[in-house]
Amino acid sequence: MAKGKDARVTIILECSNCLRTGLNKESRGISRYITQKNRHNTPSRLELRKFCPYCYKHTLHGEIKK
């Protein structure tokens, strides 16, 4: 049986550099990555440099809420 509070959780990393080209200009981040982190070792929000295909360069991707 699965435990109630697992140490590893699935998170979404979103580009903090690019803007959507839709109606809402304040909505940030087109490029998204799905990964996992250990909540006991990394309780704060995760930020990694990943490649953004819309910016065509490596940018900072931050953890967002689901």
Protein backbone atom coordinates (compact mmCIF):
# COMPACT_ATOMS: atom_id res chain seq x y z
CA MET A 1 0.00 0.00 0.00
CA ALA A 2 1.09 3.54 -0.67
CA LYS A 3 2.09 5.79 2.17
CA GLY A 4 0.25 9.03 2.86
CA LYS A 5 3.21 11.41 2.69
CA ASP A 6 5.90 10.24 0.31
CA ALA A 7 9.30 11.91 0.34
CA ARG A 8 9.36 12.30 -3.47
CA VAL A 9 6.82 14.62 -5.07
CA THR A 10 6.20 15.49 -8.72
CA ILE A 11 6.78 19.16 -9.55
CA ILE A 12 6.45 21.37 -12.64
CA LEU A 13 9.27 23.71 -13.67
CA GLU A 14 8.24 26.69 -15.81
CA CYS A 15 10.37 29.18 -17.74
CA SER A 16 10.56 32.48 -15.87
CA ASN A 17 11.90 34.38 -18.89
CA CYS A 18 9.42 34.00 -21.76
CA LEU A 19 5.90 35.43 -22.08
CA ARG A 20 2.86 33.86 -23.69
CA THR A 21 1.71 35.46 -26.92
CA GLY A 22 -1.98 35.18 -26.02
CA LEU A 23 -4.41 37.61 -24.45
CA ASN A 24 -2.97 37.58 -20.95
CA LYS A 25 0.54 39.10 -21.14
CA GLU A 26 1.14 38.68 -17.38
CA SER A 27 0.87 34.90 -17.65
CA ARG A 28 4.49 33.76 -17.73
CA GLY A 29 6.24 30.65 -18.94
CA ILE A 30 5.52 28.62 -22.02
CA SER A 31 8.27 26.04 -21.58
CA ARG A 32 7.51 23.50 -18.84
CA TYR A 33 9.38 20.49 -17.50
CA ILE A 34 8.02 17.79 -15.17
CA THR A 35 10.44 16.33 -12.63
CA GLN A 36 10.58 15.03 -9.06
CA LYS A 37 12.19 16.31 -5.90
CA ASN A 38 12.69 15.01 -2.38
CA ARG A 39 10.64 17.25 -0.09
CA HIS A 40 12.75 16.39 2.97
CA ASN A 41 16.07 17.38 1.36
CA THR A 42 14.71 20.37 -0.62
CA PRO A 43 11.81 22.00 1.25
CA SER A 44 12.11 25.31 -0.64
CA ARG A 45 11.10 25.93 -4.25
CA LEU A 46 13.41 24.40 -6.84
CA GLU A 47 15.05 26.51 -9.60
CA LEU A 48 17.12 24.93 -12.39
CA ARG A 49 18.68 26.20 -15.60
CA LYS A 50 16.99 24.32 -18.44
CA PHE A 51 16.75 24.86 -22.20
CA CYS A 52 13.70 26.84 -23.33
CA PRO A 53 12.77 26.09 -26.97
CA TYR A 54 10.81 29.36 -27.20
CA CYS A 55 13.69 31.58 -26.00
CA TYR A 56 16.28 29.40 -27.82
CA LYS A 57 18.65 29.50 -24.82
CA HIS A 58 19.16 28.13 -21.33
CA THR A 59 17.04 30.05 -18.83
CA LEU A 60 16.02 29.77 -15.21
CA HIS A 61 13.00 27.48 -14.71
CA GLY A 62 11.24 27.78 -11.36
CA GLU A 63 8.83 25.50 -9.55
CA ILE A 64 5.16 26.43 -9.86
CA LYS A 65 2.02 25.27 -8.07
CA LYS A 66 -0.15 22.66 -9.77
